[in-house]
Structure formats: C-alpha cells, structure tokens
Amino acid sequence: MEEIIEKLTRIFSERFPGSVAELEKSEFVERVGGSLMWSGFDMVEQIDRQRQVSRAVREGLTPEEQHKVAPILTFTPEEVASIREG
C-alpha cells in the first residue's frame, strides 16, 4: 500500500500544485483513502472536486491500483480551518 500512497501523493502534487494530501491504509481492508486539501478547490462544487480527483486517479494509476483507492475527501484550507475551530 505504501507504493500506492507514494504514487497518489506524487500525482496529487503534480495535478493540484501546493495541495496537501493526507493518505493512509485502511485498518480493515486493503485500500488507501484520506483527504486532499487545496486552495484551488475554492468555489468548486464538491461533485466537481471529486471528478477532478477521480480523473487524476484514473490517469495516474493502473486499473488494479485504482481498485485499492477508497474515497478521498476534498477540502479548501478555509474549510479545514473552520472544521478545526468548530
């Protein structure tokens, strides 16, 4: 799973410059999930963010690797700050 985490981190840093990916292996299944924070998501609907992330995953990983990717939540820095304050 470490290889997939490394690949996703590289893909996200290239596709979403300045982003911060927090990825980890699930305790229960052989999948990698987590979150992606990027200022470029500002004013972008959640569904469109997911489409961007899904496209990056499809274009960067093999089909076998893609099946090992769990949901990746998307946030802006402001959203993360708001969550942490709350």
PDB file of N, CA and C in Angstrom:
ATOM      1  N   MET A   1       0.806  -1.194   0.000  1.00  0.00           N
ATOM      2  CA  MET A   1       0.000   0.000   0.000  1.00  0.00           C
ATOM      3  C   MET A   1       0.857   1.269   0.000  1.00  0.00           C
ATOM      4  N   GLU A   2       2.052   1.155   0.559  1.00  0.00           N
ATOM      5  CA  GLU A   2       2.933   2.330   0.595  1.00  0.00           C
ATOM      6  C   GLU A   2       3.230   2.842  -0.808  1.00  0.00           C
ATOM      7  N   GLU A   3       3.370   1.928  -1.760  1.00  0.00           N
ATOM      8  CA  GLU A   3       3.651   2.334  -3.139  1.00  0.00           C
ATOM      9  C   GLU A   3       2.493   3.157  -3.710  1.00  0.00           C
ATOM     10  N   ILE A   4       1.277   2.741  -3.436  1.00  0.00           N
ATOM     11  CA  ILE A   4       0.104   3.479  -3.924  1.00  0.00           C
ATOM     12  C   ILE A   4       0.024   4.842  -3.238  1.00  0.00           C
ATOM     13  N   ILE A   5       0.311   4.900  -1.945  1.00  0.00           N
ATOM     14  CA  ILE A   5       0.314   6.182  -1.240  1.00  0.00           C
ATOM     15  C   ILE A   5       1.344   7.113  -1.861  1.00  0.00           C
ATOM     16  N   GLU A   6       2.518   6.597  -2.150  1.00  0.00           N
ATOM     17  CA  GLU A   6       3.566   7.417  -2.764  1.00  0.00           C
ATOM     18  C   GLU A   6       3.150   7.900  -4.152  1.00  0.00           C
ATOM     19  N   LYS A   7       2.552   7.012  -4.942  1.00  0.00           N
ATOM     20  CA  LYS A   7       2.106   7.393  -6.286  1.00  0.00           C
ATOM     21  C   LYS A   7       1.012   8.451  -6.216  1.00  0.00           C
ATOM     22  N   LEU A   8       0.031   8.252  -5.340  1.00  0.00           N
ATOM     23  CA  LEU A   8      -1.053   9.225  -5.217  1.00  0.00           C
ATOM     24  C   LEU A   8      -0.531  10.578  -4.752  1.00  0.00           C
ATOM     25  N   THR A   9       0.391  10.563  -3.804  1.00  0.00           N
ATOM     26  CA  THR A   9       0.968  11.818  -3.321  1.00  0.00           C
ATOM     27  C   THR A   9       1.646  12.561  -4.462  1.00  0.00           C
ATOM     28  N   ARG A  10       2.393  11.840  -5.288  1.00  0.00           N
ATOM     29  CA  ARG A  10       3.062  12.458  -6.439  1.00  0.00           C
ATOM     30  C   ARG A  10       2.043  12.966  -7.461  1.00  0.00           C
ATOM     31  N   ILE A  11       1.054  12.159  -7.762  1.00  0.00           N
ATOM     32  CA  ILE A  11       0.007  12.548  -8.722  1.00  0.00           C
ATOM     33  C   ILE A  11      -0.698  13.821  -8.250  1.00  0.00           C
ATOM     34  N   PHE A  12      -1.088  13.839  -6.973  1.00  0.00           N
ATOM     35  CA  PHE A  12      -1.811  14.996  -6.448  1.00  0.00           C
ATOM     36  C   PHE A  12      -0.936  16.246  -6.422  1.00  0.00           C
ATOM     37  N   SER A  13       0.340  16.095  -6.082  1.00  0.00           N
ATOM     38  CA  SER A  13       1.204  17.283  -6.046  1.00  0.00           C
ATOM     39  C   SER A  13       1.418  17.848  -7.446  1.00  0.00           C
ATOM     40  N   GLU A  14       1.418  16.987  -8.460  1.00  0.00           N
ATOM     41  CA  GLU A  14       1.562  17.455  -9.837  1.00  0.00           C
ATOM     42  C   GLU A  14       0.260  18.059 -10.353  1.00  0.00           C
ATOM     43  N   ARG A  15      -0.846  17.394 -10.080  1.00  0.00           N
ATOM     44  CA  ARG A  15      -2.148  17.808 -10.604  1.00  0.00           C
ATOM     45  C   ARG A  15      -2.754  18.982  -9.843  1.00  0.00           C
ATOM     46  N   PHE A  16      -2.459  19.042  -8.546  1.00  0.00           N
ATOM     47  CA  PHE A  16      -3.013  20.069  -7.673  1.00  0.00           C
ATOM     48  C   PHE A  16      -1.851  20.764  -6.949  1.00  0.00           C
ATOM     49  N   PRO A  17      -1.119  21.638  -7.633  1.00  0.00           N
ATOM     50  CA  PRO A  17       0.091  22.259  -7.059  1.00  0.00           C
ATOM     51  C   PRO A  17      -0.184  22.964  -5.729  1.00  0.00           C
ATOM     52  N   GLY A  18       0.657  22.667  -4.747  1.00  0.00           N
ATOM     53  CA  GLY A  18       0.502  23.265  -3.428  1.00  0.00           C
ATOM     54  C   GLY A  18      -0.481  22.536  -2.535  1.00  0.00           C
ATOM     55  N   SER A  19      -1.036  21.430  -3.010  1.00  0.00           N
ATOM     56  CA  SER A  19      -2.005  20.682  -2.213  1.00  0.00           C
ATOM     57  C   SER A  19      -1.308  19.908  -1.096  1.00  0.00           C
ATOM     58  N   VAL A  20      -2.112  19.508  -0.119  1.00  0.00           N
ATOM     59  CA  VAL A  20      -1.629  18.676   0.981  1.00  0.00           C
ATOM     60  C   VAL A  20      -2.499  17.426   1.012  1.00  0.00           C
ATOM     61  N   ALA A  21      -1.878  16.279   0.761  1.00  0.00           N
ATOM     62  CA  ALA A  21      -2.598  15.008   0.784  1.00  0.00           C
ATOM     63  C   ALA A  21      -2.292  14.288   2.087  1.00  0.00           C
ATOM     64  N   GLU A  22      -3.323  13.833   2.749  1.00  0.00           N
ATOM     65  CA  GLU A  22      -3.179  13.015   3.946  1.00  0.00           C
ATOM     66  C   GLU A  22      -3.819  11.672   3.626  1.00  0.00           C
ATOM     67  N   LEU A  23      -2.962  10.701   3.328  1.00  0.00           N
ATOM     68  CA  LEU A  23      -3.423   9.397   2.880  1.00  0.00           C
ATOM     69  C   LEU A  23      -2.947   8.316   3.842  1.00  0.00           C
ATOM     70  N   GLU A  24      -3.788   7.291   3.996  1.00  0.00           N
ATOM     71  CA  GLU A  24      -3.394   6.177   4.861  1.00  0.00           C
ATOM     72  C   GLU A  24      -4.107   4.912   4.438  1.00  0.00           C
ATOM     73  N   LYS A  25      -3.524   3.795   4.827  1.00  0.00           N
ATOM     74  CA  LYS A  25      -4.104   2.487   4.561  1.00  0.00           C
ATOM     75  C   LYS A  25      -5.208   2.234   5.572  1.00  0.00           C
ATOM     76  N   SER A  26      -6.303   1.711   5.094  1.00  0.00           N
ATOM     77  CA  SER A  26      -7.414   1.353   5.971  1.00  0.00           C
ATOM     78  C   SER A  26      -7.001   0.215   6.895  1.00  0.00           C
ATOM     79  N   GLU A  27      -7.526   0.235   8.113  1.00  0.00           N
ATOM     80  CA  GLU A  27      -7.261  -0.841   9.060  1.00  0.00           C
ATOM     81  C   GLU A  27      -7.980  -2.131   8.666  1.00  0.00           C
ATOM     82  N   PHE A  28      -9.093  -1.996   7.969  1.00  0.00           N
ATOM     83  CA  PHE A  28      -9.982  -3.132   7.767  1.00  0.00           C
ATOM     84  C   PHE A  28      -9.898  -3.776   6.386  1.00  0.00           C
ATOM     85  N   VAL A  29      -9.541  -3.012   5.392  1.00  0.00           N
ATOM     86  CA  VAL A  29      -9.458  -3.548   4.025  1.00  0.00           C
ATOM     87  C   VAL A  29      -8.174  -3.042   3.371  1.00  0.00           C
ATOM     88  N   GLU A  30      -7.786  -3.680   2.298  1.00  0.00           N
ATOM     89  CA  GLU A  30      -6.567  -3.294   1.573  1.00  0.00           C
ATOM     90  C   GLU A  30      -6.861  -2.130   0.634  1.00  0.00           C
ATOM     91  N   ARG A  31      -7.134  -0.966   1.236  1.00  0.00           N
ATOM     92  CA  ARG A  31      -7.427   0.224   0.451  1.00  0.00           C
ATOM     93  C   ARG A  31      -6.759   1.432   1.086  1.00  0.00           C
ATOM     94  N   VAL A  32      -6.534   2.441   0.249  1.00  0.00           N
ATOM     95  CA  VAL A  32      -5.931   3.700   0.690  1.00  0.00           C
ATOM     96  C   VAL A  32      -6.964   4.802   0.525  1.00  0.00           C
ATOM     97  N   GLY A  33      -7.132   5.609   1.540  1.00  0.00           N
ATOM     98  CA  GLY A  33      -8.059   6.729   1.478  1.00  0.00           C
ATOM     99  C   GLY A  33      -7.498   7.899   2.255  1.00  0.00           C
ATOM    100  N   GLY A  34      -8.285   8.950   2.353  1.00  0.00           N
ATOM    101  CA  GLY A  34      -7.827  10.103   3.123  1.00  0.00           C
ATOM    102  C   GLY A  34      -8.442  11.389   2.646  1.00  0.00           C
ATOM    103  N   SER A  35      -7.610  12.435   2.644  1.00  0.00           N
ATOM    104  CA  SER A  35      -8.115  13.751   2.265  1.00  0.00           C
ATOM    105  C   SER A  35      -7.089  14.495   1.424  1.00  0.00           C
ATOM    106  N   LEU A  36      -7.607  15.474   0.693  1.00  0.00           N
ATOM    107  CA  LEU A  36      -6.776  16.331  -0.136  1.00  0.00           C
ATOM    108  C   LEU A  36      -7.225  17.768   0.099  1.00  0.00           C
ATOM    109  N   MET A  37      -6.306  18.583   0.584  1.00  0.00           N
ATOM    110  CA  MET A  37      -6.597  19.995   0.827  1.00  0.00           C
ATOM    111  C   MET A  37      -5.881  20.814  -0.239  1.00  0.00           C
ATOM    112  N   TRP A  38      -6.638  21.711  -0.890  1.00  0.00           N
ATOM    113  CA  TRP A  38      -6.065  22.511  -1.968  1.00  0.00           C
ATOM    114  C   TRP A  38      -6.843  23.812  -2.107  1.00  0.00           C
ATOM    115  N   SER A  39      -6.136  24.904  -2.168  1.00  0.00           N
ATOM    116  CA  SER A  39      -6.795  26.203  -2.307  1.00  0.00           C
ATOM    117  C   SER A  39      -7.528  26.323  -3.641  1.00  0.00           C
ATOM    118  N   GLY A  40      -7.125  25.562  -4.634  1.00  0.00           N
ATOM    119  CA  GLY A  40      -7.782  25.582  -5.937  1.00  0.00           C
ATOM    120  C   GLY A  40      -9.198  25.028  -5.922  1.00  0.00           C
ATOM    121  N   PHE A  41      -9.586  24.388  -4.833  1.00  0.00           N
ATOM    122  CA  PHE A  41     -10.958  23.891  -4.708  1.00  0.00           C
ATOM    123  C   PHE A  41     -11.928  24.998  -4.286  1.00  0.00           C
ATOM    124  N   ASP A  42     -11.403  26.169  -3.969  1.00  0.00           N
ATOM    125  CA  ASP A  42     -12.259  27.283  -3.564  1.00  0.00           C
ATOM    126  C   ASP A  42     -13.275  27.587  -4.660  1.00  0.00           C
ATOM    127  N   MET A  43     -14.526  27.686  -4.285  1.00  0.00           N
ATOM    128  CA  MET A  43     -15.633  27.996  -5.206  1.00  0.00           C
ATOM    129  C   MET A  43     -15.905  26.866  -6.207  1.00  0.00           C
ATOM    130  N   VAL A  44     -15.440  25.649  -5.932  1.00  0.00           N
ATOM    131  CA  VAL A  44     -15.691  24.486  -6.791  1.00  0.00           C
ATOM    132  C   VAL A  44     -16.631  23.555  -6.027  1.00  0.00           C
ATOM    133  N   GLU A  45     -17.721  23.160  -6.673  1.00  0.00           N
ATOM    134  CA  GLU A  45     -18.681  22.260  -6.040  1.00  0.00           C
ATOM    135  C   GLU A  45     -18.011  20.925  -5.709  1.00  0.00           C
ATOM    136  N   GLN A  46     -18.487  20.302  -4.634  1.00  0.00           N
ATOM    137  CA  GLN A  46     -17.900  19.043  -4.169  1.00  0.00           C
ATOM    138  C   GLN A  46     -17.894  17.976  -5.276  1.00  0.00           C
ATOM    139  N   ILE A  47     -18.962  17.874  -6.043  1.00  0.00           N
ATOM    140  CA  ILE A  47     -19.015  16.864  -7.105  1.00  0.00           C
ATOM    141  C   ILE A  47     -17.928  17.109  -8.152  1.00  0.00           C
ATOM    142  N   ASP A  48     -17.656  18.371  -8.455  1.00  0.00           N
ATOM    143  CA  ASP A  48     -16.609  18.686  -9.429  1.00  0.00           C
ATOM    144  C   ASP A  48     -15.224  18.427  -8.863  1.00  0.00           C
ATOM    145  N   ARG A  49     -15.057  18.627  -7.572  1.00  0.00           N
ATOM    146  CA  ARG A  49     -13.794  18.287  -6.925  1.00  0.00           C
ATOM    147  C   ARG A  49     -13.550  16.786  -7.032  1.00  0.00           C
ATOM    148  N   GLN A  50     -14.595  16.015  -6.750  1.00  0.00           N
ATOM    149  CA  GLN A  50     -14.460  14.556  -6.820  1.00  0.00           C
ATOM    150  C   GLN A  50     -14.162  14.093  -8.242  1.00  0.00           C
ATOM    151  N   ARG A  51     -14.756  14.755  -9.209  1.00  0.00           N
ATOM    152  CA  ARG A  51     -14.462  14.404 -10.603  1.00  0.00           C
ATOM    153  C   ARG A  51     -12.996  14.676 -10.930  1.00  0.00           C
ATOM    154  N   GLN A  52     -12.466  15.781 -10.437  1.00  0.00           N
ATOM    155  CA  GLN A  52     -11.054  16.104 -10.681  1.00  0.00           C
ATOM    156  C   GLN A  52     -10.138  15.066 -10.034  1.00  0.00           C
ATOM    157  N   VAL A  53     -10.450  14.694  -8.800  1.00  0.00           N
ATOM    158  CA  VAL A  53      -9.640  13.697  -8.099  1.00  0.00           C
ATOM    159  C   VAL A  53      -9.762  12.340  -8.800  1.00  0.00           C
ATOM    160  N   SER A  54     -10.969  11.954  -9.167  1.00  0.00           N
ATOM    161  CA  SER A  54     -11.179  10.671  -9.849  1.00  0.00           C
ATOM    162  C   SER A  54     -10.423  10.617 -11.169  1.00  0.00           C
ATOM    163  N   ARG A  55     -10.448  11.705 -11.911  1.00  0.00           N
ATOM    164  CA  ARG A  55      -9.725  11.753 -13.176  1.00  0.00           C
ATOM    165  C   ARG A  55      -8.221  11.586 -12.950  1.00  0.00           C
ATOM    166  N   ALA A  56      -7.698  12.255 -11.945  1.00  0.00           N
ATOM    167  CA  ALA A  56      -6.273  12.147 -11.626  1.00  0.00           C
ATOM    168  C   ALA A  56      -5.907  10.709 -11.249  1.00  0.00           C
ATOM    169  N   VAL A  57      -6.765  10.059 -10.476  1.00  0.00           N
ATOM    170  CA  VAL A  57      -6.522   8.673 -10.071  1.00  0.00           C
ATOM    171  C   VAL A  57      -6.571   7.754 -11.291  1.00  0.00           C
ATOM    172  N   ARG A  58      -7.583   7.923 -12.131  1.00  0.00           N
ATOM    173  CA  ARG A  58      -7.706   7.085 -13.337  1.00  0.00           C
ATOM    174  C   ARG A  58      -6.506   7.245 -14.258  1.00  0.00           C
ATOM    175  N   GLU A  59      -6.056   8.471 -14.421  1.00  0.00           N
ATOM    176  CA  GLU A  59      -4.961   8.730 -15.357  1.00  0.00           C
ATOM    177  C   GLU A  59      -3.597   8.379 -14.780  1.00  0.00           C
ATOM    178  N   GLY A  60      -3.491   8.278 -13.451  1.00  0.00           N
ATOM    179  CA  GLY A  60      -2.189   8.058 -12.837  1.00  0.00           C
ATOM    180  C   GLY A  60      -1.918   6.661 -12.318  1.00  0.00           C
ATOM    181  N   LEU A  61      -2.979   5.871 -12.125  1.00  0.00           N
ATOM    182  CA  LEU A  61      -2.808   4.534 -11.570  1.00  0.00           C
ATOM    183  C   LEU A  61      -3.310   3.476 -12.539  1.00  0.00           C
ATOM    184  N   THR A  62      -2.784   2.275 -12.397  1.00  0.00           N
ATOM    185  CA  THR A  62      -3.274   1.151 -13.190  1.00  0.00           C
ATOM    186  C   THR A  62      -4.672   0.778 -12.686  1.00  0.00           C
ATOM    187  N   PRO A  63      -5.443   0.043 -13.497  1.00  0.00           N
ATOM    188  CA  PRO A  63      -6.764  -0.392 -13.029  1.00  0.00           C
ATOM    189  C   PRO A  63      -6.701  -1.179 -11.718  1.00  0.00           C
ATOM    190  N   GLU A  64      -5.691  -2.020 -11.553  1.00  0.00           N
ATOM    191  CA  GLU A  64      -5.546  -2.793 -10.317  1.00  0.00           C
ATOM    192  C   GLU A  64      -5.312  -1.862  -9.126  1.00  0.00           C
ATOM    193  N   GLU A  65      -4.473  -0.851  -9.313  1.00  0.00           N
ATOM    194  CA  GLU A  65      -4.198   0.100  -8.245  1.00  0.00           C
ATOM    195  C   GLU A  65      -5.432   0.942  -7.930  1.00  0.00           C
ATOM    196  N   GLN A  66      -6.184   1.307  -8.962  1.00  0.00           N
ATOM    197  CA  GLN A  66      -7.384   2.118  -8.769  1.00  0.00           C
ATOM    198  C   GLN A  66      -8.380   1.430  -7.845  1.00  0.00           C
ATOM    199  N   HIS A  67      -8.473   0.104  -7.927  1.00  0.00           N
ATOM    200  CA  HIS A  67      -9.405  -0.646  -7.082  1.00  0.00           C
ATOM    201  C   HIS A  67      -9.002  -0.615  -5.612  1.00  0.00           C
ATOM    202  N   LYS A  68      -7.797  -0.177  -5.334  1.00  0.00           N
ATOM    203  CA  LYS A  68      -7.318  -0.112  -3.954  1.00  0.00           C
ATOM    204  C   LYS A  68      -7.439   1.292  -3.368  1.00  0.00           C
ATOM    205  N   VAL A  69      -8.123   2.190  -4.086  1.00  0.00           N
ATOM    206  CA  VAL A  69      -8.294   3.562  -3.614  1.00  0.00           C
ATOM    207  C   VAL A  69      -9.708   3.736  -3.057  1.00  0.00           C
ATOM    208  N   ALA A  70      -9.765   4.108  -1.786  1.00  0.00           N
ATOM    209  CA  ALA A  70     -11.031   4.402  -1.113  1.00  0.00           C
ATOM    210  C   ALA A  70     -11.348   5.886  -1.345  1.00  0.00           C
ATOM    211  N   PRO A  71     -12.477   6.362  -0.878  1.00  0.00           N
ATOM    212  CA  PRO A  71     -12.801   7.780  -1.066  1.00  0.00           C
ATOM    213  C   PRO A  71     -11.720   8.712  -0.509  1.00  0.00           C
ATOM    214  N   ILE A  72     -11.532   9.790  -1.240  1.00  0.00           N
ATOM    215  CA  ILE A  72     -10.601  10.834  -0.830  1.00  0.00           C
ATOM    216  C   ILE A  72     -11.423  12.116  -0.709  1.00  0.00           C
ATOM    217  N   LEU A  73     -11.540  12.601   0.514  1.00  0.00           N
ATOM    218  CA  LEU A  73     -12.316  13.809   0.777  1.00  0.00           C
ATOM    219  C   LEU A  73     -11.530  15.029   0.327  1.00  0.00           C
ATOM    220  N   THR A  74     -12.238  16.044  -0.150  1.00  0.00           N
ATOM    221  CA  THR A  74     -11.577  17.253  -0.644  1.00  0.00           C
ATOM    222  C   THR A  74     -12.008  18.463   0.166  1.00  0.00           C
ATOM    223  N   PHE A  75     -11.020  19.302   0.487  1.00  0.00           N
ATOM    224  CA  PHE A  75     -11.255  20.492   1.294  1.00  0.00           C
ATOM    225  C   PHE A  75     -10.413  21.652   0.791  1.00  0.00           C
ATOM    226  N   THR A  76     -10.856  22.853   1.109  1.00  0.00           N
ATOM    227  CA  THR A  76     -10.008  24.039   0.939  1.00  0.00           C
ATOM    228  C   THR A  76      -9.338  24.295   2.291  1.00  0.00           C
ATOM    229  N   PRO A  77      -8.261  25.076   2.318  1.00  0.00           N
ATOM    230  CA  PRO A  77      -7.648  25.420   3.611  1.00  0.00           C
ATOM    231  C   PRO A  77      -8.642  26.111   4.556  1.00  0.00           C
ATOM    232  N   GLU A  78      -9.519  26.941   4.001  1.00  0.00           N
ATOM    233  CA  GLU A  78     -10.503  27.628   4.827  1.00  0.00           C
ATOM    234  C   GLU A  78     -11.488  26.645   5.455  1.00  0.00           C
ATOM    235  N   GLU A  79     -11.889  25.638   4.699  1.00  0.00           N
ATOM    236  CA  GLU A  79     -12.806  24.631   5.237  1.00  0.00           C
ATOM    237  C   GLU A  79     -12.147  23.846   6.364  1.00  0.00           C
ATOM    238  N   VAL A  80     -10.889  23.509   6.189  1.00  0.00           N
ATOM    239  CA  VAL A  80     -10.163  22.784   7.230  1.00  0.00           C
ATOM    240  C   VAL A  80     -10.046  23.643   8.487  1.00  0.00           C
ATOM    241  N   ALA A  81      -9.725  24.914   8.316  1.00  0.00           N
ATOM    242  CA  ALA A  81      -9.627  25.826   9.463  1.00  0.00           C
ATOM    243  C   ALA A  81     -10.954  25.919  10.188  1.00  0.00           C
ATOM    244  N   SER A  82     -12.039  25.988   9.456  1.00  0.00           N
ATOM    245  CA  SER A  82     -13.374  26.085  10.048  1.00  0.00           C
ATOM    246  C   SER A  82     -13.714  24.812  10.833  1.00  0.00           C
ATOM    247  N   ILE A  83     -13.358  23.673  10.290  1.00  0.00           N
ATOM    248  CA  ILE A  83     -13.613  22.389  10.959  1.00  0.00           C
ATOM    249  C   ILE A  83     -12.824  22.334  12.270  1.00  0.00           C
ATOM    250  N   ARG A  84     -11.585  22.757  12.228  1.00  0.00           N
ATOM    251  CA  ARG A  84     -10.718  22.716  13.414  1.00  0.00           C
ATOM    252  C   ARG A  84     -11.187  23.685  14.487  1.00  0.00           C
ATOM    253  N   GLU A  85     -11.787  24.797  14.086  1.00  0.00           N
ATOM    254  CA  GLU A  85     -12.299  25.769  15.062  1.00  0.00           C
ATOM    255  C   GLU A  85     -13.550  25.254  15.751  1.00  0.00           C
ATOM    256  N   GLY A  86     -14.371  24.530  14.963  1.00  0.00           N
ATOM    257  CA  GLY A  86     -15.673  24.098  15.439  1.00  0.00           C
ATOM    258  C   GLY A  86     -15.606  23.107  16.510  1.00  0.00           C
TER     259      GLY A  86
END
